[in-house]
């Protein structure tokens, strides 16, 4: 999945791919350093129990303008959690290959 996302983003000249994080801690660190316009992240990352969603939201919104969250779960509970993380957009992983680029370009 990560390789597909990276390839999708890197194939688009209008999108500058800045990096890839493996967990929330690294996402926060990289966002603070790189200050991307858009952060794309999985709703459930390896260290999700270490951070409260509101903390991640507050930290990411200091560094990025938009947060795009993806998940294999597309239900009310997942959408509510994505909102707690500050999601600008919520994407279903099953349609990610067709929905990711339009969602990012719409934000820019």
PDB file of N, CA and C in Angstrom:
ATOM      1  N   UNK A   1       0.821  -1.186   0.000  1.00  0.00           N
ATOM      2  CA  UNK A   1       0.000   0.000   0.000  1.00  0.00           C
ATOM      3  C   UNK A   1       0.872   1.259   0.000  1.00  0.00           C
ATOM      4  N   UNK A   2       1.906   1.265   0.855  1.00  0.00           N
ATOM      5  CA  UNK A   2       2.774   2.444   0.918  1.00  0.00           C
ATOM      6  C   UNK A   2       3.490   2.699  -0.401  1.00  0.00           C
ATOM      7  N   UNK A   3       3.935   1.628  -1.039  1.00  0.00           N
ATOM      8  CA  UNK A   3       4.606   1.792  -2.339  1.00  0.00           C
ATOM      9  C   UNK A   3       3.660   2.357  -3.385  1.00  0.00           C
ATOM     10  N   UNK A   4       2.405   1.891  -3.380  1.00  0.00           N
ATOM     11  CA  UNK A   4       1.419   2.389  -4.334  1.00  0.00           C
ATOM     12  C   UNK A   4       1.156   3.878  -4.109  1.00  0.00           C
ATOM     13  N   UNK A   5       0.989   4.273  -2.855  1.00  0.00           N
ATOM     14  CA  UNK A   5       0.736   5.675  -2.552  1.00  0.00           C
ATOM     15  C   UNK A   5       1.919   6.534  -2.982  1.00  0.00           C
ATOM     16  N   UNK A   6       3.102   6.092  -2.631  1.00  0.00           N
ATOM     17  CA  UNK A   6       4.316   6.839  -3.017  1.00  0.00           C
ATOM     18  C   UNK A   6       4.403   6.976  -4.529  1.00  0.00           C
ATOM     19  N   UNK A   7       4.165   5.891  -5.249  1.00  0.00           N
ATOM     20  CA  UNK A   7       4.218   5.922  -6.710  1.00  0.00           C
ATOM     21  C   UNK A   7       3.163   6.872  -7.277  1.00  0.00           C
ATOM     22  N   UNK A   8       1.946   6.810  -6.751  1.00  0.00           N
ATOM     23  CA  UNK A   8       0.887   7.712  -7.210  1.00  0.00           C
ATOM     24  C   UNK A   8       1.291   9.173  -7.052  1.00  0.00           C
ATOM     25  N   UNK A   9       1.851   9.487  -5.916  1.00  0.00           N
ATOM     26  CA  UNK A   9       2.234  10.868  -5.647  1.00  0.00           C
ATOM     27  C   UNK A   9       3.443  11.301  -6.459  1.00  0.00           C
ATOM     28  N   UNK A  10       4.433  10.437  -6.585  1.00  0.00           N
ATOM     29  CA  UNK A  10       5.652  10.795  -7.296  1.00  0.00           C
ATOM     30  C   UNK A  10       5.453  10.891  -8.806  1.00  0.00           C
ATOM     31  N   UNK A  11       4.428  10.245  -9.328  1.00  0.00           N
ATOM     32  CA  UNK A  11       4.165  10.303 -10.769  1.00  0.00           C
ATOM     33  C   UNK A  11       3.541  11.621 -11.201  1.00  0.00           C
ATOM     34  N   UNK A  12       3.082  12.411 -10.279  1.00  0.00           N
ATOM     35  CA  UNK A  12       2.399  13.660 -10.598  1.00  0.00           C
ATOM     36  C   UNK A  12       3.358  14.838 -10.439  1.00  0.00           C
ATOM     37  N   UNK A  13       3.688  15.517 -11.547  1.00  0.00           N
ATOM     38  CA  UNK A  13       4.644  16.631 -11.453  1.00  0.00           C
ATOM     39  C   UNK A  13       4.135  17.805 -10.619  1.00  0.00           C
ATOM     40  N   UNK A  14       2.827  17.943 -10.483  1.00  0.00           N
ATOM     41  CA  UNK A  14       2.283  19.055  -9.705  1.00  0.00           C
ATOM     42  C   UNK A  14       2.266  18.775  -8.197  1.00  0.00           C
ATOM     43  N   UNK A  15       2.669  17.568  -7.816  1.00  0.00           N
ATOM     44  CA  UNK A  15       2.732  17.190  -6.405  1.00  0.00           C
ATOM     45  C   UNK A  15       4.189  16.914  -6.047  1.00  0.00           C
ATOM     46  N   UNK A  16       4.655  17.565  -5.004  1.00  0.00           N
ATOM     47  CA  UNK A  16       6.012  17.313  -4.530  1.00  0.00           C
ATOM     48  C   UNK A  16       5.937  16.362  -3.340  1.00  0.00           C
ATOM     49  N   UNK A  17       6.447  15.165  -3.513  1.00  0.00           N
ATOM     50  CA  UNK A  17       6.467  14.154  -2.452  1.00  0.00           C
ATOM     51  C   UNK A  17       7.641  14.472  -1.538  1.00  0.00           C
ATOM     52  N   UNK A  18       7.371  14.753  -0.270  1.00  0.00           N
ATOM     53  CA  UNK A  18       8.422  15.172   0.657  1.00  0.00           C
ATOM     54  C   UNK A  18       8.980  14.056   1.522  1.00  0.00           C
ATOM     55  N   UNK A  19       8.207  13.008   1.749  1.00  0.00           N
ATOM     56  CA  UNK A  19       8.710  11.937   2.586  1.00  0.00           C
ATOM     57  C   UNK A  19       7.621  11.007   3.050  1.00  0.00           C
ATOM     58  N   UNK A  20       8.052   9.982   3.757  1.00  0.00           N
ATOM     59  CA  UNK A  20       7.143   8.930   4.213  1.00  0.00           C
ATOM     60  C   UNK A  20       7.464   8.580   5.656  1.00  0.00           C
ATOM     61  N   UNK A  21       6.459   8.587   6.500  1.00  0.00           N
ATOM     62  CA  UNK A  21       6.639   8.263   7.911  1.00  0.00           C
ATOM     63  C   UNK A  21       6.027   6.899   8.195  1.00  0.00           C
ATOM     64  N   UNK A  22       6.571   6.222   9.193  1.00  0.00           N
ATOM     65  CA  UNK A  22       6.066   4.889   9.511  1.00  0.00           C
ATOM     66  C   UNK A  22       5.127   4.866  10.707  1.00  0.00           C
ATOM     67  N   UNK A  23       5.046   5.983  11.462  1.00  0.00           N
ATOM     68  CA  UNK A  23       4.165   6.041  12.619  1.00  0.00           C
ATOM     69  C   UNK A  23       3.813   7.493  12.927  1.00  0.00           C
ATOM     70  N   UNK A  24       2.970   7.700  13.923  1.00  0.00           N
ATOM     71  CA  UNK A  24       2.542   9.056  14.261  1.00  0.00           C
ATOM     72  C   UNK A  24       3.708   9.920  14.734  1.00  0.00           C
ATOM     73  N   UNK A  25       4.581   9.366  15.554  1.00  0.00           N
ATOM     74  CA  UNK A  25       5.712  10.149  16.065  1.00  0.00           C
ATOM     75  C   UNK A  25       6.555  10.680  14.913  1.00  0.00           C
ATOM     76  N   UNK A  26       6.856   9.833  13.969  1.00  0.00           N
ATOM     77  CA  UNK A  26       7.651  10.251  12.823  1.00  0.00           C
ATOM     78  C   UNK A  26       6.858  11.221  11.929  1.00  0.00           C
ATOM     79  N   UNK A  27       5.562  11.014  11.818  1.00  0.00           N
ATOM     80  CA  UNK A  27       4.719  11.933  11.049  1.00  0.00           C
ATOM     81  C   UNK A  27       4.783  13.337  11.640  1.00  0.00           C
ATOM     82  N   UNK A  28       4.660  13.434  12.957  1.00  0.00           N
ATOM     83  CA  UNK A  28       4.713  14.740  13.612  1.00  0.00           C
ATOM     84  C   UNK A  28       6.068  15.401  13.434  1.00  0.00           C
ATOM     85  N   UNK A  29       7.119  14.618  13.576  1.00  0.00           N
ATOM     86  CA  UNK A  29       8.476  15.146  13.419  1.00  0.00           C
ATOM     87  C   UNK A  29       8.706  15.642  11.998  1.00  0.00           C
ATOM     88  N   UNK A  30       8.342  14.836  11.021  1.00  0.00           N
ATOM     89  CA  UNK A  30       8.569  15.210   9.625  1.00  0.00           C
ATOM     90  C   UNK A  30       7.706  16.407   9.221  1.00  0.00           C
ATOM     91  N   UNK A  31       6.479  16.450   9.695  1.00  0.00           N
ATOM     92  CA  UNK A  31       5.609  17.583   9.366  1.00  0.00           C
ATOM     93  C   UNK A  31       6.188  18.878   9.934  1.00  0.00           C
ATOM     94  N   UNK A  32       6.708  18.836  11.152  1.00  0.00           N
ATOM     95  CA  UNK A  32       7.305  20.024  11.758  1.00  0.00           C
ATOM     96  C   UNK A  32       8.535  20.487  10.983  1.00  0.00           C
ATOM     97  N   UNK A  33       9.320  19.546  10.494  1.00  0.00           N
ATOM     98  CA  UNK A  33      10.539  19.886   9.755  1.00  0.00           C
ATOM     99  C   UNK A  33      10.252  20.327   8.323  1.00  0.00           C
ATOM    100  N   UNK A  34       9.352  19.624   7.640  1.00  0.00           N
ATOM    101  CA  UNK A  34       9.127  19.837   6.206  1.00  0.00           C
ATOM    102  C   UNK A  34       8.014  20.831   5.897  1.00  0.00           C
ATOM    103  N   UNK A  35       7.085  21.027   6.837  1.00  0.00           N
ATOM    104  CA  UNK A  35       5.964  21.948   6.696  1.00  0.00           C
ATOM    105  C   UNK A  35       5.209  21.758   5.369  1.00  0.00           C
ATOM    106  N   UNK A  36       4.667  20.568   5.162  1.00  0.00           N
ATOM    107  CA  UNK A  36       3.966  20.278   3.905  1.00  0.00           C
ATOM    108  C   UNK A  36       2.609  20.984   3.849  1.00  0.00           C
ATOM    109  N   UNK A  37       2.121  21.180   2.654  1.00  0.00           N
ATOM    110  CA  UNK A  37       0.783  21.739   2.510  1.00  0.00           C
ATOM    111  C   UNK A  37      -0.261  20.691   2.915  1.00  0.00           C
ATOM    112  N   UNK A  38       0.003  19.425   2.550  1.00  0.00           N
ATOM    113  CA  UNK A  38      -0.933  18.332   2.816  1.00  0.00           C
ATOM    114  C   UNK A  38      -0.180  17.173   3.465  1.00  0.00           C
ATOM    115  N   UNK A  39      -0.739  16.630   4.540  1.00  0.00           N
ATOM    116  CA  UNK A  39      -0.242  15.394   5.154  1.00  0.00           C
ATOM    117  C   UNK A  39      -1.268  14.315   4.827  1.00  0.00           C
ATOM    118  N   UNK A  40      -0.792  13.213   4.257  1.00  0.00           N
ATOM    119  CA  UNK A  40      -1.640  12.053   3.983  1.00  0.00           C
ATOM    120  C   UNK A  40      -1.226  10.984   4.979  1.00  0.00           C
ATOM    121  N   UNK A  41      -2.187  10.489   5.754  1.00  0.00           N
ATOM    122  CA  UNK A  41      -1.821   9.489   6.755  1.00  0.00           C
ATOM    123  C   UNK A  41      -2.922   8.455   6.941  1.00  0.00           C
ATOM    124  N   UNK A  42      -2.504   7.312   7.433  1.00  0.00           N
ATOM    125  CA  UNK A  42      -3.424   6.223   7.729  1.00  0.00           C
ATOM    126  C   UNK A  42      -4.121   6.513   9.054  1.00  0.00           C
ATOM    127  N   UNK A  43      -5.367   6.159   9.152  1.00  0.00           N
ATOM    128  CA  UNK A  43      -6.124   6.367  10.379  1.00  0.00           C
ATOM    129  C   UNK A  43      -5.547   5.548  11.533  1.00  0.00           C
ATOM    130  N   UNK A  44      -5.026   4.380  11.239  1.00  0.00           N
ATOM    131  CA  UNK A  44      -4.469   3.504  12.265  1.00  0.00           C
ATOM    132  C   UNK A  44      -3.008   3.231  11.944  1.00  0.00           C
ATOM    133  N   UNK A  45      -2.120   3.852  12.728  1.00  0.00           N
ATOM    134  CA  UNK A  45      -0.688   3.652  12.539  1.00  0.00           C
ATOM    135  C   UNK A  45      -0.144   2.848  13.710  1.00  0.00           C
ATOM    136  N   UNK A  46       1.084   2.395  13.576  1.00  0.00           N
ATOM    137  CA  UNK A  46       1.688   1.478  14.547  1.00  0.00           C
ATOM    138  C   UNK A  46       1.655   1.980  15.979  1.00  0.00           C
ATOM    139  N   UNK A  47       1.797   3.273  16.183  1.00  0.00           N
ATOM    140  CA  UNK A  47       1.873   3.795  17.551  1.00  0.00           C
ATOM    141  C   UNK A  47       0.624   4.593  17.936  1.00  0.00           C
ATOM    142  N   UNK A  48      -0.518   4.239  17.383  1.00  0.00           N
ATOM    143  CA  UNK A  48      -1.729   5.033  17.589  1.00  0.00           C
ATOM    144  C   UNK A  48      -2.164   5.140  19.047  1.00  0.00           C
ATOM    145  N   UNK A  49      -1.848   4.169  19.858  1.00  0.00           N
ATOM    146  CA  UNK A  49      -2.295   4.228  21.252  1.00  0.00           C
ATOM    147  C   UNK A  49      -1.423   5.154  22.103  1.00  0.00           C
ATOM    148  N   UNK A  50      -0.306   5.611  21.568  1.00  0.00           N
ATOM    149  CA  UNK A  50       0.596   6.483  22.325  1.00  0.00           C
ATOM    150  C   UNK A  50       0.172   7.950  22.276  1.00  0.00           C
ATOM    151  N   UNK A  51      -0.685   8.314  21.334  1.00  0.00           N
ATOM    152  CA  UNK A  51      -1.048   9.711  21.130  1.00  0.00           C
ATOM    153  C   UNK A  51      -2.558   9.880  21.060  1.00  0.00           C
ATOM    154  N   UNK A  52      -3.062  10.916  21.686  1.00  0.00           N
ATOM    155  CA  UNK A  52      -4.470  11.259  21.563  1.00  0.00           C
ATOM    156  C   UNK A  52      -4.699  11.945  20.223  1.00  0.00           C
ATOM    157  N   UNK A  53      -5.806  11.657  19.565  1.00  0.00           N
ATOM    158  CA  UNK A  53      -6.078  12.284  18.268  1.00  0.00           C
ATOM    159  C   UNK A  53      -6.033  13.812  18.317  1.00  0.00           C
ATOM    160  N   UNK A  54      -6.530  14.411  19.367  1.00  0.00           N
ATOM    161  CA  UNK A  54      -6.530  15.868  19.470  1.00  0.00           C
ATOM    162  C   UNK A  54      -5.111  16.429  19.546  1.00  0.00           C
ATOM    163  N   UNK A  55      -4.198  15.697  20.175  1.00  0.00           N
ATOM    164  CA  UNK A  55      -2.800  16.123  20.229  1.00  0.00           C
ATOM    165  C   UNK A  55      -2.193  16.087  18.829  1.00  0.00           C
ATOM    166  N   UNK A  56      -2.425  15.006  18.116  1.00  0.00           N
ATOM    167  CA  UNK A  56      -1.900  14.895  16.751  1.00  0.00           C
ATOM    168  C   UNK A  56      -2.468  16.002  15.878  1.00  0.00           C
ATOM    169  N   UNK A  57      -3.761  16.240  15.993  1.00  0.00           N
ATOM    170  CA  UNK A  57      -4.402  17.314  15.225  1.00  0.00           C
ATOM    171  C   UNK A  57      -3.735  18.653  15.523  1.00  0.00           C
ATOM    172  N   UNK A  58      -3.570  18.987  16.778  1.00  0.00           N
ATOM    173  CA  UNK A  58      -2.990  20.288  17.129  1.00  0.00           C
ATOM    174  C   UNK A  58      -1.563  20.429  16.608  1.00  0.00           C
ATOM    175  N   UNK A  59      -0.797  19.354  16.666  1.00  0.00           N
ATOM    176  CA  UNK A  59       0.581  19.401  16.185  1.00  0.00           C
ATOM    177  C   UNK A  59       0.646  19.489  14.665  1.00  0.00           C
ATOM    178  N   UNK A  60      -0.152  18.681  13.988  1.00  0.00           N
ATOM    179  CA  UNK A  60      -0.123  18.688  12.524  1.00  0.00           C
ATOM    180  C   UNK A  60      -0.616  20.009  11.952  1.00  0.00           C
ATOM    181  N   UNK A  61      -1.632  20.583  12.559  1.00  0.00           N
ATOM    182  CA  UNK A  61      -2.177  21.827  12.015  1.00  0.00           C
ATOM    183  C   UNK A  61      -1.252  23.019  12.247  1.00  0.00           C
ATOM    184  N   UNK A  62      -0.225  22.843  13.056  1.00  0.00           N
ATOM    185  CA  UNK A  62       0.824  23.868  13.175  1.00  0.00           C
ATOM    186  C   UNK A  62       1.756  23.828  11.963  1.00  0.00           C
ATOM    187  N   UNK A  63       1.831  22.664  11.337  1.00  0.00           N
ATOM    188  CA  UNK A  63       2.805  22.446  10.268  1.00  0.00           C
ATOM    189  C   UNK A  63       2.189  22.310   8.889  1.00  0.00           C
ATOM    190  N   UNK A  64       0.982  21.826   8.803  1.00  0.00           N
ATOM    191  CA  UNK A  64       0.348  21.533   7.510  1.00  0.00           C
ATOM    192  C   UNK A  64      -1.002  22.241   7.423  1.00  0.00           C
ATOM    193  N   UNK A  65      -1.414  22.538   6.201  1.00  0.00           N
ATOM    194  CA  UNK A  65      -2.702  23.182   6.000  1.00  0.00           C
ATOM    195  C   UNK A  65      -3.848  22.179   5.970  1.00  0.00           C
ATOM    196  N   UNK A  66      -3.555  20.963   5.482  1.00  0.00           N
ATOM    197  CA  UNK A  66      -4.604  19.964   5.310  1.00  0.00           C
ATOM    198  C   UNK A  66      -4.113  18.596   5.757  1.00  0.00           C
ATOM    199  N   UNK A  67      -5.056  17.802   6.271  1.00  0.00           N
ATOM    200  CA  UNK A  67      -4.767  16.430   6.678  1.00  0.00           C
ATOM    201  C   UNK A  67      -5.733  15.515   5.925  1.00  0.00           C
ATOM    202  N   UNK A  68      -5.174  14.646   5.101  1.00  0.00           N
ATOM    203  CA  UNK A  68      -5.964  13.655   4.375  1.00  0.00           C
ATOM    204  C   UNK A  68      -5.760  12.323   5.082  1.00  0.00           C
ATOM    205  N   UNK A  69      -6.845  11.724   5.516  1.00  0.00           N
ATOM    206  CA  UNK A  69      -6.763  10.463   6.251  1.00  0.00           C
ATOM    207  C   UNK A  69      -7.408   9.358   5.429  1.00  0.00           C
ATOM    208  N   UNK A  70      -6.747   8.215   5.423  1.00  0.00           N
ATOM    209  CA  UNK A  70      -7.266   7.054   4.703  1.00  0.00           C
ATOM    210  C   UNK A  70      -7.452   5.902   5.680  1.00  0.00           C
ATOM    211  N   UNK A  71      -8.388   5.021   5.321  1.00  0.00           N
ATOM    212  CA  UNK A  71      -8.662   3.875   6.180  1.00  0.00           C
ATOM    213  C   UNK A  71      -9.343   2.770   5.387  1.00  0.00           C
ATOM    214  N   UNK A  72      -9.163   1.545   5.830  1.00  0.00           N
ATOM    215  CA  UNK A  72      -9.906   0.436   5.238  1.00  0.00           C
ATOM    216  C   UNK A  72     -11.320   0.404   5.777  1.00  0.00           C
ATOM    217  N   UNK A  73     -11.531   1.062   6.917  1.00  0.00           N
ATOM    218  CA  UNK A  73     -12.871   1.141   7.489  1.00  0.00           C
ATOM    219  C   UNK A  73     -13.523   2.439   7.041  1.00  0.00           C
ATOM    220  N   UNK A  74     -14.716   2.312   6.497  1.00  0.00           N
ATOM    221  CA  UNK A  74     -15.436   3.483   6.007  1.00  0.00           C
ATOM    222  C   UNK A  74     -16.810   3.523   6.680  1.00  0.00           C
ATOM    223  N   UNK A  75     -16.783   3.685   8.002  1.00  0.00           N
ATOM    224  CA  UNK A  75     -18.023   3.734   8.755  1.00  0.00           C
ATOM    225  C   UNK A  75     -18.038   4.992   9.621  1.00  0.00           C
ATOM    226  N   UNK A  76     -19.110   5.190  10.346  1.00  0.00           N
ATOM    227  CA  UNK A  76     -19.254   6.397  11.168  1.00  0.00           C
ATOM    228  C   UNK A  76     -18.163   6.510  12.228  1.00  0.00           C
ATOM    229  N   UNK A  77     -17.786   5.381  12.826  1.00  0.00           N
ATOM    230  CA  UNK A  77     -16.752   5.399  13.857  1.00  0.00           C
ATOM    231  C   UNK A  77     -15.407   5.852  13.275  1.00  0.00           C
ATOM    232  N   UNK A  78     -15.057   5.316  12.111  1.00  0.00           N
ATOM    233  CA  UNK A  78     -13.802   5.704  11.467  1.00  0.00           C
ATOM    234  C   UNK A  78     -13.833   7.179  11.072  1.00  0.00           C
ATOM    235  N   UNK A  79     -14.939   7.634  10.532  1.00  0.00           N
ATOM    236  CA  UNK A  79     -15.066   9.047  10.139  1.00  0.00           C
ATOM    237  C   UNK A  79     -15.001   9.975  11.362  1.00  0.00           C
ATOM    238  N   UNK A  80     -15.599   9.558  12.458  1.00  0.00           N
ATOM    239  CA  UNK A  80     -15.543  10.365  13.680  1.00  0.00           C
ATOM    240  C   UNK A  80     -14.108  10.463  14.193  1.00  0.00           C
ATOM    241  N   UNK A  81     -13.375   9.355  14.163  1.00  0.00           N
ATOM    242  CA  UNK A  81     -11.976   9.370  14.587  1.00  0.00           C
ATOM    243  C   UNK A  81     -11.151  10.242  13.651  1.00  0.00           C
ATOM    244  N   UNK A  82     -11.382  10.141  12.365  1.00  0.00           N
ATOM    245  CA  UNK A  82     -10.671  10.985  11.398  1.00  0.00           C
ATOM    246  C   UNK A  82     -10.925  12.463  11.686  1.00  0.00           C
ATOM    247  N   UNK A  83     -12.142  12.802  12.030  1.00  0.00           N
ATOM    248  CA  UNK A  83     -12.459  14.192  12.390  1.00  0.00           C
ATOM    249  C   UNK A  83     -11.697  14.632  13.635  1.00  0.00           C
ATOM    250  N   UNK A  84     -11.545  13.731  14.598  1.00  0.00           N
ATOM    251  CA  UNK A  84     -10.767  14.061  15.802  1.00  0.00           C
ATOM    252  C   UNK A  84      -9.302  14.319  15.465  1.00  0.00           C
ATOM    253  N   UNK A  85      -8.806  13.665  14.417  1.00  0.00           N
ATOM    254  CA  UNK A  85      -7.436  13.899  13.948  1.00  0.00           C
ATOM    255  C   UNK A  85      -7.331  15.166  13.102  1.00  0.00           C
ATOM    256  N   UNK A  86      -8.458  15.783  12.779  1.00  0.00           N
ATOM    257  CA  UNK A  86      -8.436  17.015  12.006  1.00  0.00           C
ATOM    258  C   UNK A  86      -8.497  16.808  10.506  1.00  0.00           C
ATOM    259  N   UNK A  87      -9.046  15.698  10.079  1.00  0.00           N
ATOM    260  CA  UNK A  87      -9.081  15.367   8.655  1.00  0.00           C
ATOM    261  C   UNK A  87      -9.821  16.422   7.833  1.00  0.00           C
ATOM    262  N   UNK A  88      -9.175  16.880   6.790  1.00  0.00           N
ATOM    263  CA  UNK A  88      -9.808  17.722   5.792  1.00  0.00           C
ATOM    264  C   UNK A  88     -10.580  16.830   4.836  1.00  0.00           C
ATOM    265  N   UNK A  89      -9.991  15.670   4.549  1.00  0.00           N
ATOM    266  CA  UNK A  89     -10.602  14.676   3.666  1.00  0.00           C
ATOM    267  C   UNK A  89     -10.440  13.297   4.275  1.00  0.00           C
ATOM    268  N   UNK A  90     -11.401  12.434   4.028  1.00  0.00           N
ATOM    269  CA  UNK A  90     -11.358  11.046   4.481  1.00  0.00           C
ATOM    270  C   UNK A  90     -11.509  10.169   3.250  1.00  0.00           C
ATOM    271  N   UNK A  91     -10.547   9.272   3.034  1.00  0.00           N
ATOM    272  CA  UNK A  91     -10.560   8.412   1.853  1.00  0.00           C
ATOM    273  C   UNK A  91     -10.603   6.947   2.238  1.00  0.00           C
ATOM    274  N   UNK A  92     -11.392   6.201   1.507  1.00  0.00           N
ATOM    275  CA  UNK A  92     -11.490   4.759   1.668  1.00  0.00           C
ATOM    276  C   UNK A  92     -10.313   4.129   0.925  1.00  0.00           C
ATOM    277  N   UNK A  93      -9.548   3.281   1.597  1.00  0.00           N
ATOM    278  CA  UNK A  93      -8.386   2.663   0.949  1.00  0.00           C
ATOM    279  C   UNK A  93      -8.759   1.827  -0.271  1.00  0.00           C
ATOM    280  N   UNK A  94      -9.980   1.327  -0.312  1.00  0.00           N
ATOM    281  CA  UNK A  94     -10.359   0.491  -1.461  1.00  0.00           C
ATOM    282  C   UNK A  94     -10.489   1.309  -2.741  1.00  0.00           C
ATOM    283  N   UNK A  95     -10.652   2.610  -2.634  1.00  0.00           N
ATOM    284  CA  UNK A  95     -10.747   3.472  -3.826  1.00  0.00           C
ATOM    285  C   UNK A  95      -9.611   4.485  -3.877  1.00  0.00           C
ATOM    286  N   UNK A  96      -8.578   4.247  -3.102  1.00  0.00           N
ATOM    287  CA  UNK A  96      -7.469   5.192  -2.984  1.00  0.00           C
ATOM    288  C   UNK A  96      -6.789   5.481  -4.314  1.00  0.00           C
ATOM    289  N   UNK A  97      -6.608   4.469  -5.134  1.00  0.00           N
ATOM    290  CA  UNK A  97      -5.887   4.687  -6.388  1.00  0.00           C
ATOM    291  C   UNK A  97      -6.591   5.681  -7.303  1.00  0.00           C
ATOM    292  N   UNK A  98      -7.900   5.785  -7.192  1.00  0.00           N
ATOM    293  CA  UNK A  98      -8.625   6.756  -8.024  1.00  0.00           C
ATOM    294  C   UNK A  98      -8.971   8.036  -7.274  1.00  0.00           C
ATOM    295  N   UNK A  99      -8.966   8.012  -5.952  1.00  0.00           N
ATOM    296  CA  UNK A  99      -9.434   9.167  -5.179  1.00  0.00           C
ATOM    297  C   UNK A  99      -8.335  10.032  -4.575  1.00  0.00           C
ATOM    298  N   UNK A 100      -7.125   9.495  -4.370  1.00  0.00           N
ATOM    299  CA  UNK A 100      -6.085  10.220  -3.653  1.00  0.00           C
ATOM    300  C   UNK A 100      -5.656  11.484  -4.386  1.00  0.00           C
ATOM    301  N   UNK A 101      -5.260  11.363  -5.628  1.00  0.00           N
ATOM    302  CA  UNK A 101      -4.751  12.530  -6.363  1.00  0.00           C
ATOM    303  C   UNK A 101      -5.819  13.614  -6.485  1.00  0.00           C
ATOM    304  N   UNK A 102      -7.056  13.307  -6.891  1.00  0.00           N
ATOM    305  CA  UNK A 102      -8.069  14.367  -6.931  1.00  0.00           C
ATOM    306  C   UNK A 102      -8.296  15.037  -5.568  1.00  0.00           C
ATOM    307  N   UNK A 103      -8.236  14.275  -4.493  1.00  0.00           N
ATOM    308  CA  UNK A 103      -8.442  14.852  -3.160  1.00  0.00           C
ATOM    309  C   UNK A 103      -7.328  15.829  -2.822  1.00  0.00           C
ATOM    310  N   UNK A 104      -6.095  15.487  -3.143  1.00  0.00           N
ATOM    311  CA  UNK A 104      -4.958  16.377  -2.867  1.00  0.00           C
ATOM    312  C   UNK A 104      -5.022  17.615  -3.752  1.00  0.00           C
ATOM    313  N   UNK A 105      -5.270  17.435  -5.029  1.00  0.00           N
ATOM    314  CA  UNK A 105      -5.300  18.571  -5.952  1.00  0.00           C
ATOM    315  C   UNK A 105      -6.430  19.544  -5.608  1.00  0.00           C
ATOM    316  N   UNK A 106      -7.530  19.023  -5.108  1.00  0.00           N
ATOM    317  CA  UNK A 106      -8.640  19.882  -4.705  1.00  0.00           C
ATOM    318  C   UNK A 106      -8.249  20.794  -3.556  1.00  0.00           C
ATOM    319  N   UNK A 107      -7.351  20.327  -2.697  1.00  0.00           N
ATOM    320  CA  UNK A 107      -6.922  21.112  -1.535  1.00  0.00           C
ATOM    321  C   UNK A 107      -5.918  22.191  -1.899  1.00  0.00           C
ATOM    322  N   UNK A 108      -5.150  21.951  -2.945  1.00  0.00           N
ATOM    323  CA  UNK A 108      -4.084  22.886  -3.328  1.00  0.00           C
ATOM    324  C   UNK A 108      -4.591  24.015  -4.093  1.00  0.00           C
TER     325      UNK A 108
END
